[in-house]
Amino acid sequence: MRPVLIWAALAAALAVPILAAAASPLLAWRDPIYVAAGLAGVVALGLLLLQPLLAGGYLPGLRLRLGRRLHGWVGAGLVLAVVVHVAALWLTSPPDVVDALLFRSPTPFSAWGVVAMGAVFATALLAALRRRLRLRAGVWRLCHLGLAVVIILGSVVHAMLIEGTMEIVSKIALSVLVVAAGVKIMLDLPVLADLRRLARRDGR
């Protein structure tokens, strides 16, 4: 019964914010491109919840190896959601996107979103080049988790500062879950041991 409840809770945590955003009265008279931009952002935040759950093997009935493989596919989906989010906003209002990318936008949430976006792209690039760079497991974990911290922090602050598409209660709940899942995997992975090993290696 417990696995069923866990999967049901996860499904609700992912679906409710999307459905609530889709029903927002603020989207009633918006162009389809603007609606797609907003919903892509909500989907991206939901995928952030899935990522640590898959990587840490926390979902019942899902083997760790399969979970980590899905982690990679969900990561690709996250990149796609971010691209759709930004590209649709560009089509809606290019000057606003340019101001955001150049960190000269008057809205504080823009800078947080751009930083999170940069970390998402950096993570994807690092994952694609991991074998070519021949990164040790400890170095990979530290780089990956460091970027994950930036992604989670930037995305959550970005979402919380925006008063728009997302319904406030579901937005807060999803943001809390994303942070909690991120903290959980950071506490479970041997990050401190990796740091100590790197420090000893550098001290030689």
Protein backbone atom coordinates (compact mmCIF):
# COMPACT_ATOMS: atom_id res chain seq x y z
CA MET A 1 0.00 0.00 0.00
CA ARG A 2 2.85 2.38 0.82
CA PRO A 3 4.38 2.27 -2.71
CA VAL A 4 0.98 3.06 -4.21
CA LEU A 5 0.58 6.05 -1.90
CA ILE A 6 4.08 7.31 -2.73
CA TRP A 7 3.46 7.12 -6.48
CA ALA A 8 0.02 8.72 -6.08
CA ALA A 9 1.49 11.56 -4.04
CA LEU A 10 4.21 12.10 -6.64
CA ALA A 11 1.66 12.13 -9.45
CA ALA A 12 -0.41 14.69 -7.56
CA ALA A 13 2.65 16.83 -6.81
CA LEU A 14 3.46 16.94 -10.53
CA ALA A 15 -0.05 17.19 -11.98
CA VAL A 16 -1.78 19.63 -9.62
CA PRO A 17 0.53 22.63 -10.29
CA ILE A 18 0.26 22.08 -14.05
CA LEU A 19 -3.54 21.78 -13.97
CA ALA A 20 -3.85 24.77 -11.65
CA ALA A 21 -1.63 26.86 -13.91
CA ALA A 22 -3.57 25.78 -17.01
CA ALA A 23 -6.80 26.92 -15.32
CA SER A 24 -5.36 30.29 -14.29
CA PRO A 25 -7.58 33.24 -15.27
CA LEU A 26 -4.40 35.11 -16.16
CA LEU A 27 -4.06 32.87 -19.22
CA ALA A 28 -7.63 33.36 -20.42
CA TRP A 29 -6.81 35.97 -23.07
CA ARG A 30 -3.17 35.15 -23.69
CA ASP A 31 -1.68 33.94 -26.97
CA PRO A 32 -0.96 30.19 -27.22
CA ILE A 33 2.78 30.89 -27.32
CA TYR A 34 2.62 32.73 -24.00
CA VAL A 35 0.59 29.90 -22.48
CA ALA A 36 3.15 27.37 -23.73
CA ALA A 37 5.95 29.42 -22.17
CA GLY A 38 4.26 29.48 -18.78
CA LEU A 39 3.33 25.80 -18.76
CA ALA A 40 6.83 24.79 -19.90
CA GLY A 41 8.20 26.59 -16.86
CA VAL A 42 5.82 24.71 -14.58
CA VAL A 43 6.78 21.40 -16.20
CA ALA A 44 10.46 22.22 -15.71
CA LEU A 45 9.92 22.82 -12.01
CA GLY A 46 8.08 19.50 -11.75
CA LEU A 47 10.94 17.67 -13.49
CA LEU A 48 13.30 19.13 -10.89
CA LEU A 49 11.38 17.16 -8.27
CA LEU A 50 11.81 13.93 -10.23
CA GLN A 51 15.56 14.29 -10.73
CA PRO A 52 16.84 13.66 -7.16
CA LEU A 53 14.16 11.02 -6.56
CA LEU A 54 15.37 9.06 -9.59
CA ALA A 55 19.07 9.56 -8.92
CA GLY A 56 18.76 8.54 -5.28
CA GLY A 57 16.62 5.46 -5.87
CA TYR A 58 13.86 6.76 -3.62
CA LEU A 59 10.92 5.66 -5.75
CA PRO A 60 9.53 2.23 -4.79
CA GLY A 61 9.62 -0.55 -7.37
CA LEU A 62 12.22 1.26 -9.47
CA ARG A 63 15.69 -0.23 -9.52
CA LEU A 64 18.53 2.20 -8.87
CA ARG A 65 20.19 1.51 -12.22
CA LEU A 66 16.95 2.12 -14.11
CA GLY A 67 16.24 5.18 -11.98
CA ARG A 68 19.58 6.71 -12.86
CA ARG A 69 19.05 5.96 -16.53
CA LEU A 70 15.68 7.70 -16.33
CA HIS A 71 17.44 10.52 -14.48
CA GLY A 72 19.39 11.17 -17.66
CA TRP A 73 16.28 11.13 -19.85
CA VAL A 74 14.41 13.42 -17.47
CA GLY A 75 17.43 15.72 -17.53
CA ALA A 76 17.11 15.92 -21.32
CA GLY A 77 13.42 16.67 -20.85
CA LEU A 78 14.32 19.43 -18.40
CA VAL A 79 16.64 21.02 -20.96
CA LEU A 80 13.87 20.84 -23.56
CA ALA A 81 11.34 22.40 -21.17
CA VAL A 82 13.73 25.28 -20.42
CA VAL A 83 14.38 25.82 -24.14
CA VAL A 84 10.63 25.90 -24.87
CA HIS A 85 10.07 28.26 -21.92
CA VAL A 86 12.70 30.75 -23.06
CA ALA A 87 12.05 30.42 -26.80
CA ALA A 88 8.32 30.99 -26.35
CA LEU A 89 8.99 34.03 -24.18
CA TRP A 90 11.35 35.28 -26.88
CA LEU A 91 8.62 34.98 -29.50
CA THR A 92 6.25 36.81 -27.16
CA SER A 93 8.59 39.64 -26.19
CA PRO A 94 12.19 39.59 -27.51
CA PRO A 95 13.30 42.79 -25.69
CA ASP A 96 12.32 41.36 -22.31
CA VAL A 97 14.28 38.16 -22.95
CA VAL A 98 17.34 40.13 -24.10
CA ASP A 99 17.19 42.29 -20.97
CA ALA A 100 16.94 39.16 -18.83
CA LEU A 101 19.88 37.45 -20.53
CA LEU A 102 22.00 40.58 -20.11
CA PHE A 103 20.96 40.89 -16.42
CA ARG A 104 19.49 44.32 -16.94
CA SER A 105 15.83 43.41 -16.44
CA PRO A 106 14.04 45.42 -13.72
CA THR A 107 12.31 42.26 -12.49
CA PRO A 108 14.45 40.35 -9.94
CA PHE A 109 13.03 36.95 -10.89
CA SER A 110 14.60 37.22 -14.35
CA ALA A 111 18.17 37.04 -13.05
CA TRP A 112 17.42 33.98 -10.93
CA GLY A 113 15.85 32.26 -13.93
CA VAL A 114 18.82 33.03 -16.18
CA VAL A 115 21.29 31.69 -13.59
CA ALA A 116 19.25 28.50 -13.21
CA MET A 117 19.03 28.14 -16.99
CA GLY A 118 22.80 28.50 -17.32
CA ALA A 119 23.32 25.81 -14.69
CA VAL A 120 20.88 23.48 -16.49
CA PHE A 121 22.78 23.87 -19.76
CA ALA A 122 26.14 23.49 -17.99
CA THR A 123 24.95 20.27 -16.36
CA ALA A 124 23.77 18.87 -19.68
CA LEU A 125 27.08 19.77 -21.32
CA LEU A 126 29.06 18.23 -18.47
CA ALA A 127 27.03 15.02 -18.69
CA ALA A 128 27.54 14.84 -22.46
CA LEU A 129 31.32 15.32 -22.11
CA ARG A 130 31.83 13.24 -18.97
CA ARG A 131 33.56 10.31 -20.69
CA ARG A 132 35.65 12.53 -22.91
CA LEU A 133 36.79 14.57 -19.90
CA ARG A 134 37.51 11.35 -17.96
CA LEU A 135 36.17 12.76 -14.73
CA ARG A 136 36.59 10.66 -11.59
CA ALA A 137 33.37 9.67 -9.83
CA GLY A 138 34.06 11.97 -6.88
CA VAL A 139 34.78 14.98 -9.09
CA TRP A 140 31.71 14.25 -11.19
CA ARG A 141 29.47 14.08 -8.12
CA LEU A 142 30.81 17.35 -6.73
CA CYS A 143 30.39 19.19 -10.03
CA HIS A 144 26.97 17.70 -10.65
CA LEU A 145 25.67 18.43 -7.16
CA GLY A 146 27.14 21.92 -7.18
CA LEU A 147 25.28 22.74 -10.37
CA ALA A 148 22.16 21.05 -8.98
CA VAL A 149 22.22 23.40 -5.99
CA VAL A 150 22.34 26.39 -8.33
CA ILE A 151 19.52 24.96 -10.46
CA ILE A 152 17.25 24.24 -7.50
CA LEU A 153 17.92 27.52 -5.72
CA GLY A 154 17.64 29.63 -8.87
CA SER A 155 14.51 27.86 -10.12
CA VAL A 156 12.65 27.97 -6.81
CA VAL A 157 13.43 31.65 -6.18
CA HIS A 158 12.55 32.43 -9.81
CA ALA A 159 9.18 30.70 -9.43
CA MET A 160 8.39 32.19 -6.03
CA LEU A 161 9.10 35.75 -7.15
CA ILE A 162 6.79 35.53 -10.15
CA GLU A 163 3.17 36.46 -9.60
CA GLY A 164 1.64 34.90 -12.65
CA THR A 165 0.65 31.58 -14.13
CA MET A 166 1.22 29.28 -11.15
CA GLU A 167 -1.34 29.03 -8.37
CA ILE A 168 0.32 30.11 -5.13
CA VAL A 169 -0.44 27.13 -2.84
CA SER A 170 0.57 24.46 -5.36
CA LYS A 171 3.63 26.53 -6.27
CA ILE A 172 4.78 26.71 -2.66
CA ALA A 173 4.13 23.01 -2.12
CA LEU A 174 6.05 21.98 -5.24
CA SER A 175 8.93 24.31 -4.40
CA VAL A 176 9.20 22.89 -0.88
CA LEU A 177 9.22 19.35 -2.27
CA VAL A 178 11.93 20.22 -4.80
CA VAL A 179 14.15 21.69 -2.09
CA ALA A 180 13.49 18.79 0.28
CA ALA A 181 14.33 16.19 -2.38
CA GLY A 182 17.52 18.07 -3.24
CA VAL A 183 18.60 18.28 0.39
CA LYS A 184 17.82 14.58 0.89
CA ILE A 185 20.08 13.35 -1.88
CA MET A 186 22.87 15.75 -0.90
CA LEU A 187 22.83 14.33 2.62
CA ASP A 188 22.77 10.75 1.37
CA LEU A 189 25.54 10.95 -1.22
CA PRO A 190 29.19 10.77 0.00
CA VAL A 191 29.93 14.38 -0.88
CA LEU A 192 31.99 15.12 2.25
CA ALA A 193 34.09 12.01 1.64
CA ASP A 194 34.68 13.15 -1.94
CA LEU A 195 35.83 16.55 -0.69
CA ARG A 196 38.22 14.96 1.80
CA ARG A 197 39.70 12.71 -0.89
CA LEU A 198 40.22 15.64 -3.22
CA ALA A 199 41.80 17.68 -0.44
CA ARG A 200 44.23 14.86 0.39
CA ARG A 201 45.08 14.42 -3.30
CA ASP A 202 45.74 18.15 -3.71
CA GLY A 203 47.85 18.22 -0.56
CA ARG A 204 50.32 15.66 -1.89
